[in-house]
């Protein structure tokens, strides 16, 4: 997912930056509001930032130009701290990964944040909310959220690449080609991320339920 510098066109980089800013700015205001309401939110936010950094730092090669495969952790983050706040911490995470590890690039932070921090986080969050609304158990809702968030990240990353690089090949065909380059590595990683998301949330619910008051609206059984 970490698309490197020099892969996307300048126009695409600018466009993805603009799309990312549209989520990051309200995310900053959301963080400020929630910190005012609850001082414990700030260290929890920092903890989730570290978790996303560690989870997404795994760098596995794939046959996709200027990119890689890895788990994301943003669906879990979106459930725990909110999708807009997740966009903010993802931007910070991707900046430091580009600077210190050479994962991704500075010009592509917008595109990488949009795929991982926004689309991955938001899709996982939406599936979590829908499944919890119909009273699916926590372990199942969390597992599906983690799985979906991971796969959506790579569907969007493949689209970003196809949009810039499809040339004379039809966009849809190039999109499928790029995603199939990710799929052999990413499908098992998505399953693993679903399991991880499920385990983390069910463990927190069992041992530290006081950290989760805003994400459960019904009494857990």
N, C-alpha and C. Protein backbone atom coordinates (compact mmCIF):
# COMPACT_ATOMS: atom_id res chain seq x y z
N UNK A 1 0.82 -1.20 0.00
CA UNK A 1 0.00 0.00 0.00
C UNK A 1 0.86 1.25 0.00
N UNK A 2 2.02 1.20 0.64
CA UNK A 2 2.90 2.37 0.69
C UNK A 2 3.38 2.70 -0.73
N UNK A 3 2.65 3.54 -1.42
CA UNK A 3 3.05 3.93 -2.78
C UNK A 3 4.22 4.90 -2.67
N UNK A 4 5.25 4.66 -3.45
CA UNK A 4 6.48 5.44 -3.34
C UNK A 4 6.40 6.72 -4.16
N UNK A 5 7.34 7.64 -3.87
CA UNK A 5 7.48 8.86 -4.67
C UNK A 5 7.78 8.50 -6.12
N UNK A 6 7.29 9.33 -7.03
CA UNK A 6 7.60 9.15 -8.44
C UNK A 6 6.71 8.18 -9.18
N UNK A 7 5.75 7.56 -8.48
CA UNK A 7 4.86 6.59 -9.12
C UNK A 7 3.60 7.27 -9.65
N UNK A 8 2.97 8.07 -8.82
CA UNK A 8 1.76 8.77 -9.23
C UNK A 8 2.11 10.07 -9.94
N UNK A 9 1.21 10.54 -10.77
CA UNK A 9 1.42 11.83 -11.42
C UNK A 9 1.31 12.95 -10.40
N UNK A 10 1.88 14.10 -10.74
CA UNK A 10 1.82 15.25 -9.84
C UNK A 10 0.37 15.66 -9.58
N UNK A 11 -0.45 15.62 -10.62
CA UNK A 11 -1.85 15.98 -10.46
C UNK A 11 -2.56 15.02 -9.51
N UNK A 12 -2.24 13.73 -9.63
CA UNK A 12 -2.86 12.75 -8.75
C UNK A 12 -2.42 12.96 -7.31
N UNK A 13 -1.14 13.22 -7.10
CA UNK A 13 -0.65 13.47 -5.74
C UNK A 13 -1.37 14.65 -5.12
N UNK A 14 -1.52 15.72 -5.88
CA UNK A 14 -2.20 16.91 -5.38
C UNK A 14 -3.67 16.61 -5.08
N UNK A 15 -4.30 15.86 -5.95
CA UNK A 15 -5.71 15.53 -5.75
C UNK A 15 -5.94 14.68 -4.51
N UNK A 16 -5.07 13.69 -4.30
CA UNK A 16 -5.22 12.84 -3.11
C UNK A 16 -4.89 13.61 -1.85
N UNK A 17 -3.94 14.54 -1.92
CA UNK A 17 -3.68 15.40 -0.76
C UNK A 17 -4.94 16.20 -0.41
N UNK A 18 -5.58 16.77 -1.42
CA UNK A 18 -6.78 17.57 -1.18
C UNK A 18 -7.89 16.73 -0.57
N UNK A 19 -8.07 15.53 -1.09
CA UNK A 19 -9.10 14.65 -0.54
C UNK A 19 -8.80 14.27 0.90
N UNK A 20 -7.53 14.07 1.20
CA UNK A 20 -7.13 13.72 2.56
C UNK A 20 -7.35 14.88 3.52
N UNK A 21 -7.00 16.08 3.09
CA UNK A 21 -7.19 17.27 3.94
C UNK A 21 -8.66 17.42 4.34
N UNK A 22 -9.57 17.05 3.45
CA UNK A 22 -11.00 17.17 3.74
C UNK A 22 -11.42 16.31 4.93
N UNK A 23 -10.64 15.28 5.24
CA UNK A 23 -10.92 14.44 6.40
C UNK A 23 -10.03 14.79 7.59
N UNK A 24 -8.81 15.19 7.32
CA UNK A 24 -7.87 15.47 8.40
C UNK A 24 -8.28 16.71 9.18
N UNK A 25 -8.73 17.76 8.49
CA UNK A 25 -9.10 19.00 9.19
C UNK A 25 -10.23 18.77 10.19
N UNK A 26 -11.35 18.15 9.79
CA UNK A 26 -12.37 17.86 10.82
C UNK A 26 -11.87 16.88 11.87
N UNK A 27 -10.91 16.02 11.50
CA UNK A 27 -10.34 15.11 12.47
C UNK A 27 -9.59 15.84 13.57
N UNK A 28 -8.87 16.89 13.20
CA UNK A 28 -8.15 17.70 14.19
C UNK A 28 -9.13 18.35 15.16
N UNK A 29 -10.23 18.89 14.63
CA UNK A 29 -11.24 19.51 15.49
C UNK A 29 -11.91 18.47 16.39
N UNK A 30 -12.13 17.27 15.85
CA UNK A 30 -12.72 16.21 16.66
C UNK A 30 -11.80 15.83 17.81
N UNK A 31 -10.51 15.73 17.53
CA UNK A 31 -9.55 15.39 18.58
C UNK A 31 -9.55 16.46 19.66
N UNK A 32 -9.52 17.72 19.27
CA UNK A 32 -9.52 18.81 20.26
C UNK A 32 -10.78 18.76 21.12
N UNK A 33 -11.91 18.50 20.49
CA UNK A 33 -13.16 18.44 21.25
C UNK A 33 -13.16 17.29 22.24
N UNK A 34 -12.72 16.13 21.79
CA UNK A 34 -12.76 14.96 22.66
C UNK A 34 -11.73 15.04 23.78
N UNK A 35 -10.62 15.70 23.53
CA UNK A 35 -9.63 15.90 24.60
C UNK A 35 -10.20 16.83 25.67
N UNK A 36 -10.93 17.87 25.25
CA UNK A 36 -11.57 18.76 26.22
C UNK A 36 -12.59 18.01 27.07
N UNK A 37 -13.30 17.08 26.45
CA UNK A 37 -14.34 16.34 27.15
C UNK A 37 -13.77 15.26 28.06
N UNK A 38 -12.63 14.70 27.66
CA UNK A 38 -12.06 13.58 28.41
C UNK A 38 -10.55 13.59 28.24
N UNK A 39 -9.81 13.95 29.30
CA UNK A 39 -8.36 14.06 29.21
C UNK A 39 -7.69 12.72 28.93
N UNK A 40 -8.33 11.62 29.27
CA UNK A 40 -7.73 10.30 29.02
C UNK A 40 -7.74 9.94 27.54
N UNK A 41 -8.48 10.73 26.73
CA UNK A 41 -8.53 10.45 25.28
C UNK A 41 -7.17 10.69 24.63
N UNK A 42 -6.41 11.68 25.13
CA UNK A 42 -5.13 12.01 24.50
C UNK A 42 -4.13 10.86 24.59
N UNK A 43 -3.86 10.28 25.79
CA UNK A 43 -2.93 9.14 25.80
C UNK A 43 -3.46 7.93 25.04
N UNK A 44 -4.80 7.76 25.04
CA UNK A 44 -5.38 6.66 24.28
C UNK A 44 -5.15 6.86 22.79
N UNK A 45 -5.27 8.11 22.34
CA UNK A 45 -5.01 8.46 20.94
C UNK A 45 -3.55 8.16 20.58
N UNK A 46 -2.63 8.54 21.48
CA UNK A 46 -1.22 8.28 21.24
C UNK A 46 -0.95 6.78 21.16
N UNK A 47 -1.60 6.02 22.05
CA UNK A 47 -1.43 4.57 22.04
C UNK A 47 -1.90 3.97 20.72
N UNK A 48 -3.02 4.46 20.19
CA UNK A 48 -3.52 3.96 18.91
C UNK A 48 -2.60 4.35 17.77
N UNK A 49 -2.01 5.56 17.86
CA UNK A 49 -1.04 5.96 16.84
C UNK A 49 0.14 5.01 16.79
N UNK A 50 0.65 4.64 17.96
CA UNK A 50 1.76 3.69 18.03
C UNK A 50 1.33 2.33 17.47
N UNK A 51 0.11 1.91 17.80
CA UNK A 51 -0.38 0.62 17.32
C UNK A 51 -0.46 0.59 15.80
N UNK A 52 -1.02 1.65 15.21
CA UNK A 52 -1.11 1.71 13.74
C UNK A 52 0.29 1.74 13.13
N UNK A 53 1.20 2.49 13.74
CA UNK A 53 2.57 2.56 13.23
C UNK A 53 3.20 1.16 13.20
N UNK A 54 3.08 0.43 14.30
CA UNK A 54 3.71 -0.90 14.39
C UNK A 54 3.04 -1.89 13.45
N UNK A 55 1.69 -1.91 13.46
CA UNK A 55 0.97 -2.87 12.63
C UNK A 55 1.25 -2.65 11.15
N UNK A 56 1.30 -1.39 10.72
CA UNK A 56 1.46 -1.09 9.29
C UNK A 56 2.92 -1.01 8.85
N UNK A 57 3.86 -1.20 9.78
CA UNK A 57 5.27 -1.10 9.43
C UNK A 57 5.80 -2.36 8.74
N UNK A 58 5.03 -3.46 8.84
CA UNK A 58 5.45 -4.69 8.15
C UNK A 58 5.46 -4.43 6.65
N UNK A 59 6.59 -4.67 6.01
CA UNK A 59 6.78 -4.29 4.61
C UNK A 59 7.04 -5.55 3.80
N UNK A 60 6.02 -6.02 3.09
CA UNK A 60 6.13 -7.26 2.33
C UNK A 60 6.06 -6.95 0.84
N UNK A 61 7.03 -7.46 0.07
CA UNK A 61 7.06 -7.14 -1.36
C UNK A 61 5.92 -7.79 -2.13
N UNK A 62 5.42 -7.07 -3.13
CA UNK A 62 4.38 -7.59 -4.02
C UNK A 62 4.76 -7.19 -5.44
N UNK A 63 4.22 -7.91 -6.45
CA UNK A 63 4.54 -7.57 -7.84
C UNK A 63 3.74 -6.38 -8.36
N UNK A 64 3.73 -5.31 -7.58
CA UNK A 64 3.02 -4.09 -7.96
C UNK A 64 4.03 -2.95 -7.93
N UNK A 65 4.13 -2.22 -9.01
CA UNK A 65 5.14 -1.18 -9.15
C UNK A 65 5.11 -0.18 -8.00
N UNK A 66 6.26 -0.02 -7.32
CA UNK A 66 6.42 1.03 -6.33
C UNK A 66 5.50 0.94 -5.14
N UNK A 67 5.15 -0.29 -4.72
CA UNK A 67 4.22 -0.44 -3.61
C UNK A 67 4.60 -1.68 -2.81
N UNK A 68 3.81 -1.99 -1.78
CA UNK A 68 4.08 -3.13 -0.92
C UNK A 68 2.78 -3.59 -0.28
N UNK A 69 2.88 -4.66 0.49
CA UNK A 69 1.72 -5.22 1.17
C UNK A 69 1.99 -5.26 2.67
N UNK A 70 0.96 -5.01 3.47
CA UNK A 70 1.11 -5.03 4.93
C UNK A 70 -0.26 -4.92 5.58
N UNK A 71 -0.40 -5.34 6.84
CA UNK A 71 -1.63 -5.05 7.56
C UNK A 71 -1.73 -3.56 7.85
N UNK A 72 -2.87 -3.10 8.33
CA UNK A 72 -3.10 -1.65 8.46
C UNK A 72 -3.42 -1.19 9.88
N UNK A 73 -4.36 -1.82 10.53
CA UNK A 73 -4.74 -1.43 11.88
C UNK A 73 -5.69 -0.25 11.95
N UNK A 74 -6.10 0.30 10.82
CA UNK A 74 -6.91 1.51 10.86
C UNK A 74 -8.39 1.24 11.13
N UNK A 75 -8.88 0.06 10.80
CA UNK A 75 -10.26 -0.27 11.16
C UNK A 75 -10.39 -0.34 12.68
N UNK A 76 -9.44 -0.98 13.34
CA UNK A 76 -9.41 -1.04 14.80
C UNK A 76 -9.34 0.36 15.39
N UNK A 77 -8.46 1.19 14.84
CA UNK A 77 -8.32 2.56 15.33
C UNK A 77 -9.61 3.34 15.16
N UNK A 78 -10.26 3.20 14.01
CA UNK A 78 -11.49 3.95 13.75
C UNK A 78 -12.59 3.57 14.74
N UNK A 79 -12.66 2.29 15.09
CA UNK A 79 -13.66 1.86 16.05
C UNK A 79 -13.39 2.46 17.43
N UNK A 80 -12.13 2.54 17.80
CA UNK A 80 -11.76 2.96 19.15
C UNK A 80 -11.67 4.47 19.32
N UNK A 81 -11.18 5.19 18.31
CA UNK A 81 -10.97 6.63 18.48
C UNK A 81 -11.77 7.47 17.48
N UNK A 82 -12.45 6.83 16.54
CA UNK A 82 -13.24 7.54 15.54
C UNK A 82 -12.55 7.60 14.20
N UNK A 83 -13.29 7.59 13.10
CA UNK A 83 -12.69 7.56 11.76
C UNK A 83 -11.95 8.83 11.38
N UNK A 84 -12.43 9.99 11.82
CA UNK A 84 -11.74 11.23 11.47
C UNK A 84 -10.42 11.36 12.23
N UNK A 85 -10.42 11.00 13.50
CA UNK A 85 -9.17 11.00 14.26
C UNK A 85 -8.19 9.99 13.68
N UNK A 86 -8.70 8.88 13.16
CA UNK A 86 -7.84 7.88 12.53
C UNK A 86 -7.15 8.45 11.30
N UNK A 87 -7.84 9.29 10.54
CA UNK A 87 -7.22 9.95 9.39
C UNK A 87 -6.03 10.80 9.83
N UNK A 88 -6.17 11.48 10.97
CA UNK A 88 -5.09 12.32 11.47
C UNK A 88 -3.88 11.49 11.88
N UNK A 89 -4.10 10.45 12.69
CA UNK A 89 -2.95 9.67 13.15
C UNK A 89 -2.32 8.90 12.00
N UNK A 90 -3.12 8.51 11.00
CA UNK A 90 -2.56 7.81 9.84
C UNK A 90 -1.63 8.71 9.05
N UNK A 91 -1.99 9.97 8.91
CA UNK A 91 -1.13 10.93 8.22
C UNK A 91 0.21 11.05 8.93
N UNK A 92 0.17 11.15 10.25
CA UNK A 92 1.40 11.26 11.04
C UNK A 92 2.23 9.98 10.93
N UNK A 93 1.56 8.84 11.05
CA UNK A 93 2.25 7.54 10.94
C UNK A 93 2.95 7.41 9.60
N UNK A 94 2.25 7.72 8.52
CA UNK A 94 2.82 7.56 7.18
C UNK A 94 3.96 8.54 6.93
N UNK A 95 3.88 9.73 7.53
CA UNK A 95 4.98 10.68 7.41
C UNK A 95 6.25 10.12 8.05
N UNK A 96 6.15 9.61 9.27
CA UNK A 96 7.34 9.09 9.95
C UNK A 96 7.84 7.81 9.30
N UNK A 97 6.94 6.98 8.78
CA UNK A 97 7.40 5.78 8.07
C UNK A 97 8.16 6.14 6.80
N UNK A 98 7.71 7.18 6.11
CA UNK A 98 8.41 7.63 4.90
C UNK A 98 9.77 8.21 5.24
N UNK A 99 9.86 8.98 6.33
CA UNK A 99 11.10 9.63 6.72
C UNK A 99 12.14 8.64 7.25
N UNK A 100 11.71 7.77 8.16
CA UNK A 100 12.66 6.92 8.87
C UNK A 100 12.84 5.53 8.27
N UNK A 101 11.83 5.03 7.56
CA UNK A 101 11.92 3.67 7.04
C UNK A 101 11.92 3.62 5.51
N UNK A 102 11.66 4.74 4.86
CA UNK A 102 11.59 4.74 3.41
C UNK A 102 10.39 4.01 2.87
N UNK A 103 9.34 3.85 3.71
CA UNK A 103 8.10 3.22 3.27
C UNK A 103 7.18 4.30 2.70
N UNK A 104 6.86 4.21 1.44
CA UNK A 104 6.05 5.24 0.82
C UNK A 104 6.89 6.44 0.45
N UNK A 105 6.29 7.62 0.46
CA UNK A 105 7.02 8.83 0.08
C UNK A 105 6.29 10.06 0.57
N UNK A 106 6.95 11.19 0.50
CA UNK A 106 6.35 12.44 0.95
C UNK A 106 5.25 12.89 -0.01
N UNK A 107 5.51 12.79 -1.30
CA UNK A 107 4.50 13.25 -2.26
C UNK A 107 3.26 12.36 -2.27
N UNK A 108 3.38 11.14 -1.77
CA UNK A 108 2.25 10.20 -1.81
C UNK A 108 1.59 10.01 -0.45
N UNK A 109 1.93 10.83 0.54
CA UNK A 109 1.27 10.71 1.84
C UNK A 109 -0.24 10.89 1.69
N UNK A 110 -0.64 11.83 0.84
CA UNK A 110 -2.08 12.04 0.63
C UNK A 110 -2.76 10.78 0.11
N UNK A 111 -2.18 10.18 -0.92
CA UNK A 111 -2.77 8.96 -1.50
C UNK A 111 -2.75 7.81 -0.51
N UNK A 112 -1.64 7.63 0.20
CA UNK A 112 -1.52 6.53 1.15
C UNK A 112 -2.45 6.72 2.34
N UNK A 113 -2.58 7.96 2.80
CA UNK A 113 -3.52 8.23 3.90
C UNK A 113 -4.95 7.99 3.46
N UNK A 114 -5.26 8.41 2.22
CA UNK A 114 -6.63 8.24 1.73
C UNK A 114 -7.01 6.77 1.68
N UNK A 115 -6.10 5.92 1.20
CA UNK A 115 -6.43 4.49 1.08
C UNK A 115 -6.45 3.81 2.44
N UNK A 116 -5.43 4.04 3.27
CA UNK A 116 -5.32 3.32 4.54
C UNK A 116 -6.07 4.00 5.67
N UNK A 117 -5.81 5.28 5.86
CA UNK A 117 -6.34 5.97 7.02
C UNK A 117 -7.78 6.40 6.89
N UNK A 118 -8.22 6.67 5.65
CA UNK A 118 -9.59 7.15 5.44
C UNK A 118 -10.50 6.02 4.96
N UNK A 119 -10.20 5.47 3.78
CA UNK A 119 -11.08 4.43 3.24
C UNK A 119 -11.03 3.14 4.07
N UNK A 120 -9.82 2.73 4.44
CA UNK A 120 -9.70 1.52 5.26
C UNK A 120 -10.35 1.69 6.62
N UNK A 121 -10.07 2.81 7.28
CA UNK A 121 -10.65 3.04 8.59
C UNK A 121 -12.15 3.23 8.54
N UNK A 122 -12.62 4.04 7.60
CA UNK A 122 -14.04 4.36 7.52
C UNK A 122 -14.87 3.14 7.13
N UNK A 123 -14.39 2.34 6.19
CA UNK A 123 -15.14 1.16 5.77
C UNK A 123 -15.25 0.15 6.91
N UNK A 124 -14.15 -0.05 7.63
CA UNK A 124 -14.21 -0.94 8.79
C UNK A 124 -15.16 -0.43 9.85
N UNK A 125 -15.14 0.87 10.08
CA UNK A 125 -16.02 1.49 11.08
C UNK A 125 -17.49 1.33 10.68
N UNK A 126 -17.79 1.55 9.41
CA UNK A 126 -19.17 1.42 8.94
C UNK A 126 -19.68 -0.01 9.10
N UNK A 127 -18.87 -0.99 8.72
CA UNK A 127 -19.28 -2.38 8.89
C UNK A 127 -19.47 -2.72 10.36
N UNK A 128 -18.58 -2.21 11.23
CA UNK A 128 -18.71 -2.41 12.67
C UNK A 128 -20.06 -1.87 13.17
N UNK A 129 -20.40 -0.64 12.78
CA UNK A 129 -21.62 -0.02 13.25
C UNK A 129 -22.86 -0.76 12.74
N UNK A 130 -22.83 -1.17 11.48
CA UNK A 130 -23.97 -1.89 10.92
C UNK A 130 -24.17 -3.22 11.63
N UNK A 131 -23.10 -3.97 11.80
CA UNK A 131 -23.22 -5.29 12.43
C UNK A 131 -23.60 -5.19 13.89
N UNK A 132 -23.10 -4.17 14.59
CA UNK A 132 -23.50 -3.98 15.99
C UNK A 132 -24.95 -3.52 16.07
N UNK A 133 -25.41 -2.74 15.09
CA UNK A 133 -26.80 -2.27 15.10
C UNK A 133 -27.79 -3.42 14.96
N UNK A 134 -27.38 -4.49 14.25
CA UNK A 134 -28.25 -5.66 14.13
C UNK A 134 -27.89 -6.73 15.15
N UNK A 135 -27.12 -6.30 16.18
CA UNK A 135 -26.81 -7.12 17.35
C UNK A 135 -25.93 -8.33 17.05
N UNK A 136 -25.04 -8.20 16.08
CA UNK A 136 -24.01 -9.22 15.90
C UNK A 136 -23.07 -9.19 17.11
N UNK A 137 -22.52 -10.33 17.50
CA UNK A 137 -21.59 -10.32 18.64
C UNK A 137 -20.35 -9.51 18.33
N UNK A 138 -19.72 -9.01 19.38
CA UNK A 138 -18.56 -8.16 19.22
C UNK A 138 -17.46 -8.83 18.41
N UNK A 139 -17.19 -10.10 18.70
CA UNK A 139 -16.07 -10.77 18.03
C UNK A 139 -16.29 -10.84 16.52
N UNK A 140 -17.56 -11.05 16.11
CA UNK A 140 -17.85 -11.15 14.68
C UNK A 140 -17.81 -9.78 14.02
N UNK A 141 -18.44 -8.80 14.65
CA UNK A 141 -18.46 -7.44 14.08
C UNK A 141 -17.05 -6.90 13.95
N UNK A 142 -16.23 -7.12 14.97
CA UNK A 142 -14.85 -6.63 14.94
C UNK A 142 -14.04 -7.36 13.88
N UNK A 143 -14.22 -8.67 13.77
CA UNK A 143 -13.47 -9.44 12.79
C UNK A 143 -13.80 -9.02 11.37
N UNK A 144 -15.09 -8.84 11.09
CA UNK A 144 -15.49 -8.40 9.75
C UNK A 144 -14.95 -7.01 9.47
N UNK A 145 -15.00 -6.12 10.46
CA UNK A 145 -14.50 -4.75 10.29
C UNK A 145 -13.02 -4.75 9.94
N UNK A 146 -12.24 -5.54 10.65
CA UNK A 146 -10.81 -5.60 10.36
C UNK A 146 -10.52 -6.16 8.98
N UNK A 147 -11.25 -7.21 8.60
CA UNK A 147 -11.06 -7.83 7.28
C UNK A 147 -11.44 -6.86 6.16
N UNK A 148 -12.61 -6.23 6.30
CA UNK A 148 -13.08 -5.31 5.26
C UNK A 148 -12.17 -4.10 5.15
N UNK A 149 -11.79 -3.52 6.30
CA UNK A 149 -10.92 -2.34 6.28
C UNK A 149 -9.61 -2.60 5.59
N UNK A 150 -9.04 -3.78 5.81
CA UNK A 150 -7.78 -4.14 5.16
C UNK A 150 -7.96 -4.26 3.66
N UNK A 151 -8.97 -4.99 3.22
CA UNK A 151 -9.16 -5.19 1.78
C UNK A 151 -9.53 -3.89 1.06
N UNK A 152 -10.35 -3.07 1.68
CA UNK A 152 -10.73 -1.80 1.05
C UNK A 152 -9.51 -0.92 0.87
N UNK A 153 -8.60 -0.94 1.83
CA UNK A 153 -7.36 -0.18 1.70
C UNK A 153 -6.65 -0.51 0.39
N UNK A 154 -6.58 -1.80 0.08
CA UNK A 154 -5.83 -2.22 -1.11
C UNK A 154 -6.64 -2.08 -2.39
N UNK A 155 -7.95 -2.15 -2.30
CA UNK A 155 -8.76 -1.84 -3.47
C UNK A 155 -8.57 -0.38 -3.87
N UNK A 156 -8.53 0.51 -2.87
CA UNK A 156 -8.35 1.93 -3.16
C UNK A 156 -6.93 2.20 -3.64
N UNK A 157 -5.93 1.58 -3.01
CA UNK A 157 -4.54 1.76 -3.46
C UNK A 157 -4.38 1.29 -4.90
N UNK A 158 -5.00 0.16 -5.25
CA UNK A 158 -4.94 -0.33 -6.62
C UNK A 158 -5.60 0.65 -7.58
N UNK A 159 -6.71 1.26 -7.13
CA UNK A 159 -7.38 2.25 -7.97
C UNK A 159 -6.50 3.49 -8.16
N UNK A 160 -5.83 3.93 -7.10
CA UNK A 160 -4.94 5.09 -7.20
C UNK A 160 -3.84 4.83 -8.23
N UNK A 161 -3.27 3.64 -8.19
CA UNK A 161 -2.22 3.29 -9.14
C UNK A 161 -2.78 3.20 -10.56
N UNK A 162 -3.93 2.54 -10.69
CA UNK A 162 -4.52 2.37 -12.02
C UNK A 162 -4.89 3.72 -12.63
N UNK A 163 -5.38 4.63 -11.81
CA UNK A 163 -5.79 5.94 -12.31
C UNK A 163 -4.63 6.71 -12.91
N UNK A 164 -3.44 6.55 -12.33
CA UNK A 164 -2.26 7.26 -12.83
C UNK A 164 -1.51 6.51 -13.91
N UNK A 165 -1.62 5.17 -13.91
CA UNK A 165 -0.72 4.37 -14.75
C UNK A 165 -1.43 3.53 -15.80
N UNK A 166 -2.74 3.66 -15.97
CA UNK A 166 -3.42 2.72 -16.87
C UNK A 166 -3.08 2.97 -18.33
N UNK A 167 -2.66 4.17 -18.70
CA UNK A 167 -2.25 4.42 -20.09
C UNK A 167 -3.38 4.12 -21.06
N UNK A 168 -3.08 3.24 -22.03
CA UNK A 168 -4.09 2.89 -23.03
C UNK A 168 -4.93 1.68 -22.60
N UNK A 169 -4.60 1.11 -21.44
CA UNK A 169 -5.38 -0.02 -20.93
C UNK A 169 -6.63 0.54 -20.24
N UNK A 170 -7.80 -0.06 -20.44
CA UNK A 170 -9.01 0.43 -19.75
C UNK A 170 -8.79 0.49 -18.24
N UNK A 171 -9.30 1.54 -17.62
CA UNK A 171 -9.06 1.77 -16.19
C UNK A 171 -9.50 0.59 -15.34
N UNK A 172 -10.69 0.06 -15.62
CA UNK A 172 -11.20 -1.05 -14.81
C UNK A 172 -10.29 -2.27 -14.91
N UNK A 173 -9.82 -2.56 -16.12
CA UNK A 173 -8.93 -3.71 -16.30
C UNK A 173 -7.63 -3.50 -15.55
N UNK A 174 -7.06 -2.30 -15.63
CA UNK A 174 -5.81 -2.03 -14.93
C UNK A 174 -6.01 -2.07 -13.42
N UNK A 175 -7.15 -1.61 -12.96
CA UNK A 175 -7.47 -1.67 -11.53
C UNK A 175 -7.46 -3.12 -11.04
N UNK A 176 -8.11 -4.00 -11.80
CA UNK A 176 -8.14 -5.42 -11.44
C UNK A 176 -6.74 -6.01 -11.45
N UNK A 177 -5.94 -5.63 -12.44
CA UNK A 177 -4.57 -6.15 -12.53
C UNK A 177 -3.76 -5.76 -11.30
N UNK A 178 -3.84 -4.49 -10.92
CA UNK A 178 -3.10 -4.04 -9.74
C UNK A 178 -3.59 -4.74 -8.48
N UNK A 179 -4.90 -4.87 -8.33
CA UNK A 179 -5.40 -5.53 -7.12
C UNK A 179 -5.00 -7.00 -7.08
N UNK A 180 -4.99 -7.66 -8.21
CA UNK A 180 -4.57 -9.06 -8.24
C UNK A 180 -3.10 -9.20 -7.89
N UNK A 181 -2.31 -8.14 -8.13
CA UNK A 181 -0.93 -8.17 -7.66
C UNK A 181 -0.84 -8.15 -6.15
N UNK A 182 -1.77 -7.46 -5.50
CA UNK A 182 -1.81 -7.44 -4.04
C UNK A 182 -2.42 -8.70 -3.45
N UNK A 183 -3.44 -9.25 -4.13
CA UNK A 183 -4.33 -10.24 -3.53
C UNK A 183 -3.65 -11.45 -2.90
N UNK A 184 -2.66 -12.12 -3.56
CA UNK A 184 -2.10 -13.33 -2.95
C UNK A 184 -1.50 -13.09 -1.58
N UNK A 185 -0.90 -11.92 -1.37
CA UNK A 185 -0.33 -11.59 -0.07
C UNK A 185 -1.37 -10.99 0.86
N UNK A 186 -2.27 -10.18 0.29
CA UNK A 186 -3.16 -9.39 1.14
C UNK A 186 -4.35 -10.16 1.68
N UNK A 187 -4.85 -11.13 0.96
CA UNK A 187 -6.00 -11.87 1.46
C UNK A 187 -5.71 -12.56 2.79
N UNK A 188 -4.60 -13.31 2.92
CA UNK A 188 -4.32 -13.89 4.24
C UNK A 188 -4.03 -12.82 5.30
N UNK A 189 -3.41 -11.70 4.89
CA UNK A 189 -3.18 -10.63 5.85
C UNK A 189 -4.49 -10.02 6.32
N UNK A 190 -5.47 -9.92 5.42
CA UNK A 190 -6.78 -9.38 5.79
C UNK A 190 -7.47 -10.30 6.80
N UNK A 191 -7.36 -11.60 6.58
CA UNK A 191 -7.91 -12.56 7.54
C UNK A 191 -7.23 -12.40 8.90
N UNK A 192 -5.90 -12.29 8.88
CA UNK A 192 -5.16 -12.11 10.12
C UNK A 192 -5.55 -10.82 10.82
N UNK A 193 -5.75 -9.74 10.03
CA UNK A 193 -6.14 -8.48 10.65
C UNK A 193 -7.55 -8.56 11.23
N UNK A 194 -8.43 -9.30 10.58
CA UNK A 194 -9.75 -9.51 11.15
C UNK A 194 -9.69 -10.22 12.49
N UNK A 195 -8.85 -11.25 12.56
CA UNK A 195 -8.67 -11.99 13.82
C UNK A 195 -8.08 -11.07 14.89
N UNK A 196 -7.05 -10.29 14.50
CA UNK A 196 -6.43 -9.37 15.45
C UNK A 196 -7.43 -8.35 15.99
N UNK A 197 -8.21 -7.76 15.10
CA UNK A 197 -9.20 -6.76 15.52
C UNK A 197 -10.22 -7.38 16.48
N UNK A 198 -10.65 -8.59 16.17
CA UNK A 198 -11.60 -9.29 17.02
C UNK A 198 -11.00 -9.58 18.39
N UNK A 199 -9.77 -10.08 18.42
CA UNK A 199 -9.13 -10.43 19.69
C UNK A 199 -8.91 -9.20 20.55
N UNK A 200 -8.43 -8.11 19.93
CA UNK A 200 -8.15 -6.89 20.70
C UNK A 200 -9.42 -6.34 21.32
N UNK A 201 -10.50 -6.23 20.55
CA UNK A 201 -11.73 -5.64 21.08
C UNK A 201 -12.40 -6.53 22.13
N UNK A 202 -12.42 -7.83 21.90
CA UNK A 202 -13.04 -8.70 22.89
C UNK A 202 -12.21 -8.75 24.17
N UNK A 203 -10.88 -8.68 24.03
CA UNK A 203 -10.02 -8.67 25.22
C UNK A 203 -10.20 -7.38 26.01
N UNK A 204 -10.26 -6.24 25.29
CA UNK A 204 -10.49 -4.97 25.98
C UNK A 204 -11.84 -4.96 26.66
N UNK A 205 -12.86 -5.51 26.01
CA UNK A 205 -14.19 -5.56 26.60
C UNK A 205 -14.19 -6.39 27.87
N UNK A 206 -13.39 -7.45 27.89
CA UNK A 206 -13.35 -8.33 29.05
C UNK A 206 -12.55 -7.73 30.20
N UNK A 207 -11.38 -7.12 29.86
CA UNK A 207 -10.45 -6.70 30.91
C UNK A 207 -10.43 -5.20 31.17
N UNK A 208 -10.74 -4.37 30.17
CA UNK A 208 -10.71 -2.92 30.36
C UNK A 208 -11.93 -2.26 29.74
N UNK A 209 -13.13 -2.65 30.16
CA UNK A 209 -14.34 -2.11 29.53
C UNK A 209 -14.50 -0.60 29.75
N UNK A 210 -13.83 -0.05 30.77
CA UNK A 210 -13.95 1.38 31.01
C UNK A 210 -13.33 2.21 29.90
N UNK A 211 -12.48 1.58 29.06
CA UNK A 211 -11.88 2.30 27.94
C UNK A 211 -12.81 2.38 26.73
N UNK A 212 -13.92 1.66 26.80
CA UNK A 212 -14.77 1.51 25.61
C UNK A 212 -16.18 2.06 25.77
N UNK A 213 -16.43 3.02 26.62
CA UNK A 213 -17.82 3.40 26.86
C UNK A 213 -18.53 4.00 25.66
N UNK A 214 -17.81 4.60 24.73
CA UNK A 214 -18.47 5.30 23.63
C UNK A 214 -18.74 4.42 22.41
N UNK A 215 -18.24 3.18 22.42
CA UNK A 215 -18.44 2.37 21.21
C UNK A 215 -19.48 1.28 21.41
N UNK A 216 -19.97 1.12 22.62
CA UNK A 216 -21.01 0.13 22.87
C UNK A 216 -22.27 0.83 23.36
N UNK A 217 -23.34 0.64 22.65
CA UNK A 217 -24.59 1.28 23.03
C UNK A 217 -25.56 0.29 23.68
N UNK A 218 -25.21 -0.99 23.63
CA UNK A 218 -26.03 -2.01 24.26
C UNK A 218 -25.19 -2.79 25.25
N UNK A 219 -25.83 -3.32 26.24
CA UNK A 219 -25.13 -4.13 27.22
C UNK A 219 -24.60 -5.38 26.56
N UNK A 220 -23.30 -5.68 26.80
CA UNK A 220 -22.69 -6.84 26.17
C UNK A 220 -23.04 -8.10 26.95
N UNK A 221 -23.15 -9.21 26.21
CA UNK A 221 -23.40 -10.50 26.84
C UNK A 221 -22.32 -11.46 26.41
